Amino acid sequence: METLQRVYGISFPDSKMMKGWEKFQEEAKSRDHRKIGKEQELFFFHDLSPGSCFFLPRGAFIYNTLTDFIRMQDRHG
């Protein structure tokens, strides 16, 4: 049985554009919601359910507060 392998590639017309892309990628890593949520103890991900986040108490509080606010806005326009 053969296994399939996915390969990605990216190219740039010059090294200046490549360095700009690399800088953007590094900045994006620092703003990753998964990293920030873990650091601020808002939620976590479990290996058995990698696409689902599990809220911790602080994260649940923020989520519920936002949900309540959106519902109030919807009711009152």
PDB file of N, CA and C in Angstrom:
ATOM      1  N   MET A   1       0.830  -1.172   0.000  1.00  0.00           N
ATOM      2  CA  MET A   1       0.000   0.000   0.000  1.00  0.00           C
ATOM      3  C   MET A   1       0.884   1.247   0.000  1.00  0.00           C
ATOM      4  N   GLU A   2       0.564   2.166  -0.886  1.00  0.00           N
ATOM      5  CA  GLU A   2       1.326   3.409  -0.966  1.00  0.00           C
ATOM      6  C   GLU A   2       0.723   4.459  -0.049  1.00  0.00           C
ATOM      7  N   THR A   3       1.587   5.234   0.552  1.00  0.00           N
ATOM      8  CA  THR A   3       1.090   6.343   1.363  1.00  0.00           C
ATOM      9  C   THR A   3       1.274   7.633   0.576  1.00  0.00           C
ATOM     10  N   LEU A   4       0.337   8.521   0.754  1.00  0.00           N
ATOM     11  CA  LEU A   4       0.417   9.810   0.084  1.00  0.00           C
ATOM     12  C   LEU A   4       1.075  10.823   1.001  1.00  0.00           C
ATOM     13  N   GLN A   5       1.774  11.731   0.386  1.00  0.00           N
ATOM     14  CA  GLN A   5       2.434  12.774   1.151  1.00  0.00           C
ATOM     15  C   GLN A   5       2.149  14.109   0.481  1.00  0.00           C
ATOM     16  N   ARG A   6       1.773  15.088   1.272  1.00  0.00           N
ATOM     17  CA  ARG A   6       1.483  16.413   0.737  1.00  0.00           C
ATOM     18  C   ARG A   6       2.712  17.291   0.923  1.00  0.00           C
ATOM     19  N   VAL A   7       3.081  17.979  -0.133  1.00  0.00           N
ATOM     20  CA  VAL A   7       4.246  18.856  -0.100  1.00  0.00           C
ATOM     21  C   VAL A   7       3.795  20.261  -0.492  1.00  0.00           C
ATOM     22  N   TYR A   8       4.208  21.239   0.282  1.00  0.00           N
ATOM     23  CA  TYR A   8       3.894  22.632  -0.015  1.00  0.00           C
ATOM     24  C   TYR A   8       5.172  23.365  -0.394  1.00  0.00           C
ATOM     25  N   GLY A   9       5.038  24.343  -1.251  1.00  0.00           N
ATOM     26  CA  GLY A   9       6.176  25.163  -1.616  1.00  0.00           C
ATOM     27  C   GLY A   9       5.745  26.603  -1.809  1.00  0.00           C
ATOM     28  N   ILE A  10       6.691  27.493  -1.675  1.00  0.00           N
ATOM     29  CA  ILE A  10       6.414  28.912  -1.873  1.00  0.00           C
ATOM     30  C   ILE A  10       7.667  29.531  -2.468  1.00  0.00           C
ATOM     31  N   SER A  11       7.470  30.482  -3.372  1.00  0.00           N
ATOM     32  CA  SER A  11       8.627  31.128  -3.988  1.00  0.00           C
ATOM     33  C   SER A  11       8.389  32.633  -4.068  1.00  0.00           C
ATOM     34  N   PHE A  12       9.481  33.354  -4.196  1.00  0.00           N
ATOM     35  CA  PHE A  12       9.428  34.810  -4.243  1.00  0.00           C
ATOM     36  C   PHE A  12      10.337  35.305  -5.356  1.00  0.00           C
ATOM     37  N   PRO A  13       9.974  36.438  -5.965  1.00  0.00           N
ATOM     38  CA  PRO A  13      10.810  36.979  -7.040  1.00  0.00           C
ATOM     39  C   PRO A  13      12.181  37.463  -6.557  1.00  0.00           C
ATOM     40  N   ASP A  14      12.251  37.888  -5.290  1.00  0.00           N
ATOM     41  CA  ASP A  14      13.544  38.341  -4.764  1.00  0.00           C
ATOM     42  C   ASP A  14      13.627  38.070  -3.262  1.00  0.00           C
ATOM     43  N   SER A  15      14.831  38.185  -2.729  1.00  0.00           N
ATOM     44  CA  SER A  15      15.051  37.855  -1.316  1.00  0.00           C
ATOM     45  C   SER A  15      14.393  38.869  -0.381  1.00  0.00           C
ATOM     46  N   LYS A  16      14.210  40.104  -0.837  1.00  0.00           N
ATOM     47  CA  LYS A  16      13.565  41.125  -0.007  1.00  0.00           C
ATOM     48  C   LYS A  16      12.120  40.723   0.294  1.00  0.00           C
ATOM     49  N   MET A  17      11.412  40.252  -0.701  1.00  0.00           N
ATOM     50  CA  MET A  17      10.031  39.809  -0.498  1.00  0.00           C
ATOM     51  C   MET A  17       9.983  38.586   0.410  1.00  0.00           C
ATOM     52  N   MET A  18      10.955  37.688   0.265  1.00  0.00           N
ATOM     53  CA  MET A  18      10.996  36.504   1.113  1.00  0.00           C
ATOM     54  C   MET A  18      11.229  36.901   2.574  1.00  0.00           C
ATOM     55  N   LYS A  19      12.128  37.822   2.816  1.00  0.00           N
ATOM     56  CA  LYS A  19      12.388  38.271   4.187  1.00  0.00           C
ATOM     57  C   LYS A  19      11.158  38.950   4.786  1.00  0.00           C
ATOM     58  N   GLY A  20      10.426  39.709   3.978  1.00  0.00           N
ATOM     59  CA  GLY A  20       9.190  40.331   4.447  1.00  0.00           C
ATOM     60  C   GLY A  20       8.156  39.292   4.831  1.00  0.00           C
ATOM     61  N   TRP A  21       8.049  38.244   4.017  1.00  0.00           N
ATOM     62  CA  TRP A  21       7.110  37.155   4.314  1.00  0.00           C
ATOM     63  C   TRP A  21       7.516  36.423   5.590  1.00  0.00           C
ATOM     64  N   GLU A  22       8.810  36.168   5.750  1.00  0.00           N
ATOM     65  CA  GLU A  22       9.297  35.493   6.957  1.00  0.00           C
ATOM     66  C   GLU A  22       9.003  36.327   8.202  1.00  0.00           C
ATOM     67  N   LYS A  23       9.182  37.635   8.111  1.00  0.00           N
ATOM     68  CA  LYS A  23       8.894  38.522   9.242  1.00  0.00           C
ATOM     69  C   LYS A  23       7.401  38.479   9.573  1.00  0.00           C
ATOM     70  N   PHE A  24       6.568  38.510   8.537  1.00  0.00           N
ATOM     71  CA  PHE A  24       5.122  38.439   8.737  1.00  0.00           C
ATOM     72  C   PHE A  24       4.736  37.130   9.424  1.00  0.00           C
ATOM     73  N   GLN A  25       5.352  36.023   9.029  1.00  0.00           N
ATOM     74  CA  GLN A  25       5.058  34.723   9.633  1.00  0.00           C
ATOM     75  C   GLN A  25       5.443  34.702  11.108  1.00  0.00           C
ATOM     76  N   GLU A  26       6.580  35.287  11.446  1.00  0.00           N
ATOM     77  CA  GLU A  26       7.008  35.345  12.846  1.00  0.00           C
ATOM     78  C   GLU A  26       6.044  36.188  13.682  1.00  0.00           C
ATOM     79  N   GLU A  27       5.604  37.317  13.128  1.00  0.00           N
ATOM     80  CA  GLU A  27       4.645  38.166  13.842  1.00  0.00           C
ATOM     81  C   GLU A  27       3.311  37.445  14.019  1.00  0.00           C
ATOM     82  N   ALA A  28       2.902  36.696  13.014  1.00  0.00           N
ATOM     83  CA  ALA A  28       1.635  35.957  13.097  1.00  0.00           C
ATOM     84  C   ALA A  28       1.701  34.899  14.197  1.00  0.00           C
ATOM     85  N   LYS A  29       2.851  34.267  14.377  1.00  0.00           N
ATOM     86  CA  LYS A  29       2.998  33.268  15.442  1.00  0.00           C
ATOM     87  C   LYS A  29       2.799  33.894  16.818  1.00  0.00           C
ATOM     88  N   SER A  30       3.253  35.129  16.978  1.00  0.00           N
ATOM     89  CA  SER A  30       3.108  35.781  18.283  1.00  0.00           C
ATOM     90  C   SER A  30       1.663  36.189  18.562  1.00  0.00           C
ATOM     91  N   ARG A  31       0.836  36.290  17.515  1.00  0.00           N
ATOM     92  CA  ARG A  31      -0.574  36.664  17.684  1.00  0.00           C
ATOM     93  C   ARG A  31      -1.509  35.467  17.561  1.00  0.00           C
ATOM     94  N   ASP A  32      -0.991  34.271  17.567  1.00  0.00           N
ATOM     95  CA  ASP A  32      -1.797  33.060  17.396  1.00  0.00           C
ATOM     96  C   ASP A  32      -2.757  32.893  18.573  1.00  0.00           C
ATOM     97  N   HIS A  33      -4.046  32.784  18.274  1.00  0.00           N
ATOM     98  CA  HIS A  33      -5.055  32.698  19.336  1.00  0.00           C
ATOM     99  C   HIS A  33      -4.869  31.464  20.211  1.00  0.00           C
ATOM    100  N   ARG A  34      -4.332  30.387  19.647  1.00  0.00           N
ATOM    101  CA  ARG A  34      -4.115  29.180  20.458  1.00  0.00           C
ATOM    102  C   ARG A  34      -3.052  29.423  21.519  1.00  0.00           C
ATOM    103  N   LYS A  35      -2.007  30.121  21.138  1.00  0.00           N
ATOM    104  CA  LYS A  35      -0.926  30.439  22.082  1.00  0.00           C
ATOM    105  C   LYS A  35      -1.408  31.429  23.143  1.00  0.00           C
ATOM    106  N   ILE A  36      -2.088  32.484  22.710  1.00  0.00           N
ATOM    107  CA  ILE A  36      -2.563  33.515  23.637  1.00  0.00           C
ATOM    108  C   ILE A  36      -3.582  32.939  24.617  1.00  0.00           C
ATOM    109  N   GLY A  37      -4.516  32.138  24.119  1.00  0.00           N
ATOM    110  CA  GLY A  37      -5.531  31.539  24.988  1.00  0.00           C
ATOM    111  C   GLY A  37      -4.926  30.642  26.050  1.00  0.00           C
ATOM    112  N   LYS A  38      -3.888  29.913  25.675  1.00  0.00           N
ATOM    113  CA  LYS A  38      -3.213  29.041  26.643  1.00  0.00           C
ATOM    114  C   LYS A  38      -2.459  29.869  27.682  1.00  0.00           C
ATOM    115  N   GLU A  39      -1.738  30.901  27.217  1.00  0.00           N
ATOM    116  CA  GLU A  39      -0.969  31.748  28.137  1.00  0.00           C
ATOM    117  C   GLU A  39      -1.864  32.477  29.130  1.00  0.00           C
ATOM    118  N   GLN A  40      -3.035  32.914  28.674  1.00  0.00           N
ATOM    119  CA  GLN A  40      -3.937  33.670  29.541  1.00  0.00           C
ATOM    120  C   GLN A  40      -4.943  32.776  30.264  1.00  0.00           C
ATOM    121  N   GLU A  41      -4.768  31.477  30.120  1.00  0.00           N
ATOM    122  CA  GLU A  41      -5.627  30.480  30.769  1.00  0.00           C
ATOM    123  C   GLU A  41      -7.104  30.708  30.455  1.00  0.00           C
ATOM    124  N   LEU A  42      -7.396  30.904  29.154  1.00  0.00           N
ATOM    125  CA  LEU A  42      -8.770  31.100  28.711  1.00  0.00           C
ATOM    126  C   LEU A  42      -9.391  29.797  28.210  1.00  0.00           C
ATOM    127  N   PHE A  43      -8.598  28.993  27.514  1.00  0.00           N
ATOM    128  CA  PHE A  43      -9.090  27.730  26.975  1.00  0.00           C
ATOM    129  C   PHE A  43      -7.910  26.817  26.671  1.00  0.00           C
ATOM    130  N   PHE A  44      -8.224  25.565  26.340  1.00  0.00           N
ATOM    131  CA  PHE A  44      -7.182  24.620  25.950  1.00  0.00           C
ATOM    132  C   PHE A  44      -7.736  23.684  24.886  1.00  0.00           C
ATOM    133  N   PHE A  45      -6.848  23.000  24.211  1.00  0.00           N
ATOM    134  CA  PHE A  45      -7.212  21.995  23.220  1.00  0.00           C
ATOM    135  C   PHE A  45      -6.737  20.644  23.726  1.00  0.00           C
ATOM    136  N   HIS A  46      -7.523  19.614  23.464  1.00  0.00           N
ATOM    137  CA  HIS A  46      -7.165  18.267  23.894  1.00  0.00           C
ATOM    138  C   HIS A  46      -6.801  17.435  22.669  1.00  0.00           C
ATOM    139  N   ASP A  47      -5.839  16.526  22.829  1.00  0.00           N
ATOM    140  CA  ASP A  47      -5.391  15.689  21.718  1.00  0.00           C
ATOM    141  C   ASP A  47      -6.510  14.833  21.134  1.00  0.00           C
ATOM    142  N   LEU A  48      -7.458  14.417  21.958  1.00  0.00           N
ATOM    143  CA  LEU A  48      -8.535  13.560  21.472  1.00  0.00           C
ATOM    144  C   LEU A  48      -9.587  14.333  20.678  1.00  0.00           C
ATOM    145  N   SER A  49      -9.582  15.644  20.797  1.00  0.00           N
ATOM    146  CA  SER A  49     -10.530  16.484  20.059  1.00  0.00           C
ATOM    147  C   SER A  49      -9.805  17.752  19.605  1.00  0.00           C
ATOM    148  N   PRO A  50      -8.893  17.625  18.632  1.00  0.00           N
ATOM    149  CA  PRO A  50      -8.013  18.737  18.286  1.00  0.00           C
ATOM    150  C   PRO A  50      -8.713  19.975  17.724  1.00  0.00           C
ATOM    151  N   GLY A  51      -9.898  19.842  17.174  1.00  0.00           N
ATOM    152  CA  GLY A  51     -10.582  20.997  16.605  1.00  0.00           C
ATOM    153  C   GLY A  51     -11.481  21.727  17.575  1.00  0.00           C
ATOM    154  N   SER A  52     -11.600  21.218  18.784  1.00  0.00           N
ATOM    155  CA  SER A  52     -12.511  21.810  19.768  1.00  0.00           C
ATOM    156  C   SER A  52     -11.723  22.443  20.905  1.00  0.00           C
ATOM    157  N   CYS A  53     -12.143  23.648  21.278  1.00  0.00           N
ATOM    158  CA  CYS A  53     -11.510  24.254  22.447  1.00  0.00           C
ATOM    159  C   CYS A  53     -12.402  24.015  23.658  1.00  0.00           C
ATOM    160  N   PHE A  54     -11.774  23.909  24.799  1.00  0.00           N
ATOM    161  CA  PHE A  54     -12.476  23.711  26.060  1.00  0.00           C
ATOM    162  C   PHE A  54     -12.192  24.935  26.917  1.00  0.00           C
ATOM    163  N   PHE A  55     -13.260  25.654  27.256  1.00  0.00           N
ATOM    164  CA  PHE A  55     -13.096  26.889  28.011  1.00  0.00           C
ATOM    165  C   PHE A  55     -12.737  26.610  29.461  1.00  0.00           C
ATOM    166  N   LEU A  56     -11.798  27.380  29.950  1.00  0.00           N
ATOM    167  CA  LEU A  56     -11.481  27.422  31.368  1.00  0.00           C
ATOM    168  C   LEU A  56     -12.364  28.512  31.984  1.00  0.00           C
ATOM    169  N   PRO A  57     -12.438  28.622  33.307  1.00  0.00           N
ATOM    170  CA  PRO A  57     -13.374  29.580  33.920  1.00  0.00           C
ATOM    171  C   PRO A  57     -13.270  31.013  33.388  1.00  0.00           C
ATOM    172  N   ARG A  58     -12.072  31.529  33.233  1.00  0.00           N
ATOM    173  CA  ARG A  58     -11.923  32.905  32.734  1.00  0.00           C
ATOM    174  C   ARG A  58     -12.391  33.029  31.293  1.00  0.00           C
ATOM    175  N   GLY A  59     -12.088  32.026  30.484  1.00  0.00           N
ATOM    176  CA  GLY A  59     -12.531  32.049  29.092  1.00  0.00           C
ATOM    177  C   GLY A  59     -14.036  31.929  28.974  1.00  0.00           C
ATOM    178  N   ALA A  60     -14.637  31.094  29.822  1.00  0.00           N
ATOM    179  CA  ALA A  60     -16.095  30.945  29.816  1.00  0.00           C
ATOM    180  C   ALA A  60     -16.760  32.249  30.230  1.00  0.00           C
ATOM    181  N   PHE A  61     -16.177  32.948  31.196  1.00  0.00           N
ATOM    182  CA  PHE A  61     -16.733  34.232  31.628  1.00  0.00           C
ATOM    183  C   PHE A  61     -16.733  35.233  30.473  1.00  0.00           C
ATOM    184  N   ILE A  62     -15.614  35.334  29.765  1.00  0.00           N
ATOM    185  CA  ILE A  62     -15.519  36.261  28.632  1.00  0.00           C
ATOM    186  C   ILE A  62     -16.507  35.866  27.543  1.00  0.00           C
ATOM    187  N   TYR A  63     -16.572  34.579  27.224  1.00  0.00           N
ATOM    188  CA  TYR A  63     -17.491  34.096  26.190  1.00  0.00           C
ATOM    189  C   TYR A  63     -18.937  34.427  26.554  1.00  0.00           C
ATOM    190  N   ASN A  64     -19.336  34.142  27.784  1.00  0.00           N
ATOM    191  CA  ASN A  64     -20.716  34.401  28.210  1.00  0.00           C
ATOM    192  C   ASN A  64     -21.026  35.899  28.236  1.00  0.00           C
ATOM    193  N   THR A  65     -20.065  36.710  28.643  1.00  0.00           N
ATOM    194  CA  THR A  65     -20.263  38.156  28.653  1.00  0.00           C
ATOM    195  C   THR A  65     -20.480  38.678  27.235  1.00  0.00           C
ATOM    196  N   LEU A  66     -19.674  38.215  26.297  1.00  0.00           N
ATOM    197  CA  LEU A  66     -19.844  38.628  24.903  1.00  0.00           C
ATOM    198  C   LEU A  66     -21.172  38.150  24.332  1.00  0.00           C
ATOM    199  N   THR A  67     -21.552  36.926  24.652  1.00  0.00           N
ATOM    200  CA  THR A  67     -22.827  36.386  24.175  1.00  0.00           C
ATOM    201  C   THR A  67     -23.990  37.214  24.707  1.00  0.00           C
ATOM    202  N   ASP A  68     -23.957  37.550  25.983  1.00  0.00           N
ATOM    203  CA  ASP A  68     -25.015  38.379  26.570  1.00  0.00           C
ATOM    204  C   ASP A  68     -25.075  39.754  25.902  1.00  0.00           C
ATOM    205  N   PHE A  69     -23.921  40.341  25.652  1.00  0.00           N
ATOM    206  CA  PHE A  69     -23.870  41.650  25.004  1.00  0.00           C
ATOM    207  C   PHE A  69     -24.478  41.590  23.602  1.00  0.00           C
ATOM    208  N   ILE A  70     -24.117  40.568  22.841  1.00  0.00           N
ATOM    209  CA  ILE A  70     -24.648  40.422  21.482  1.00  0.00           C
ATOM    210  C   ILE A  70     -26.157  40.226  21.514  1.00  0.00           C
ATOM    211  N   ARG A  71     -26.649  39.446  22.450  1.00  0.00           N
ATOM    212  CA  ARG A  71     -28.097  39.247  22.568  1.00  0.00           C
ATOM    213  C   ARG A  71     -28.809  40.555  22.896  1.00  0.00           C
ATOM    214  N   MET A  72     -28.235  41.353  23.788  1.00  0.00           N
ATOM    215  CA  MET A  72     -28.841  42.648  24.127  1.00  0.00           C
ATOM    216  C   MET A  72     -28.863  43.568  22.910  1.00  0.00           C
ATOM    217  N   GLN A  73     -27.782  43.576  22.156  1.00  0.00           N
ATOM    218  CA  GLN A  73     -27.726  44.408  20.959  1.00  0.00           C
ATOM    219  C   GLN A  73     -28.765  43.966  19.935  1.00  0.00           C
ATOM    220  N   ASP A  74     -28.959  42.674  19.825  1.00  0.00           N
ATOM    221  CA  ASP A  74     -29.930  42.138  18.871  1.00  0.00           C
ATOM    222  C   ASP A  74     -31.355  42.518  19.277  1.00  0.00           C
ATOM    223  N   ARG A  75     -31.643  42.482  20.561  1.00  0.00           N
ATOM    224  CA  ARG A  75     -32.988  42.813  21.052  1.00  0.00           C
ATOM    225  C   ARG A  75     -33.304  44.299  20.922  1.00  0.00           C
ATOM    226  N   HIS A  76     -32.321  45.124  21.236  1.00  0.00           N
ATOM    227  CA  HIS A  76     -32.573  46.563  21.312  1.00  0.00           C
ATOM    228  C   HIS A  76     -32.082  47.340  20.091  1.00  0.00           C
ATOM    229  N   GLY A  77     -31.508  46.638  19.155  1.00  0.00           N
ATOM    230  CA  GLY A  77     -31.087  47.304  17.924  1.00  0.00           C
ATOM    231  C   GLY A  77     -29.865  48.035  18.030  1.00  0.00           C
TER     232      GLY A  77
END
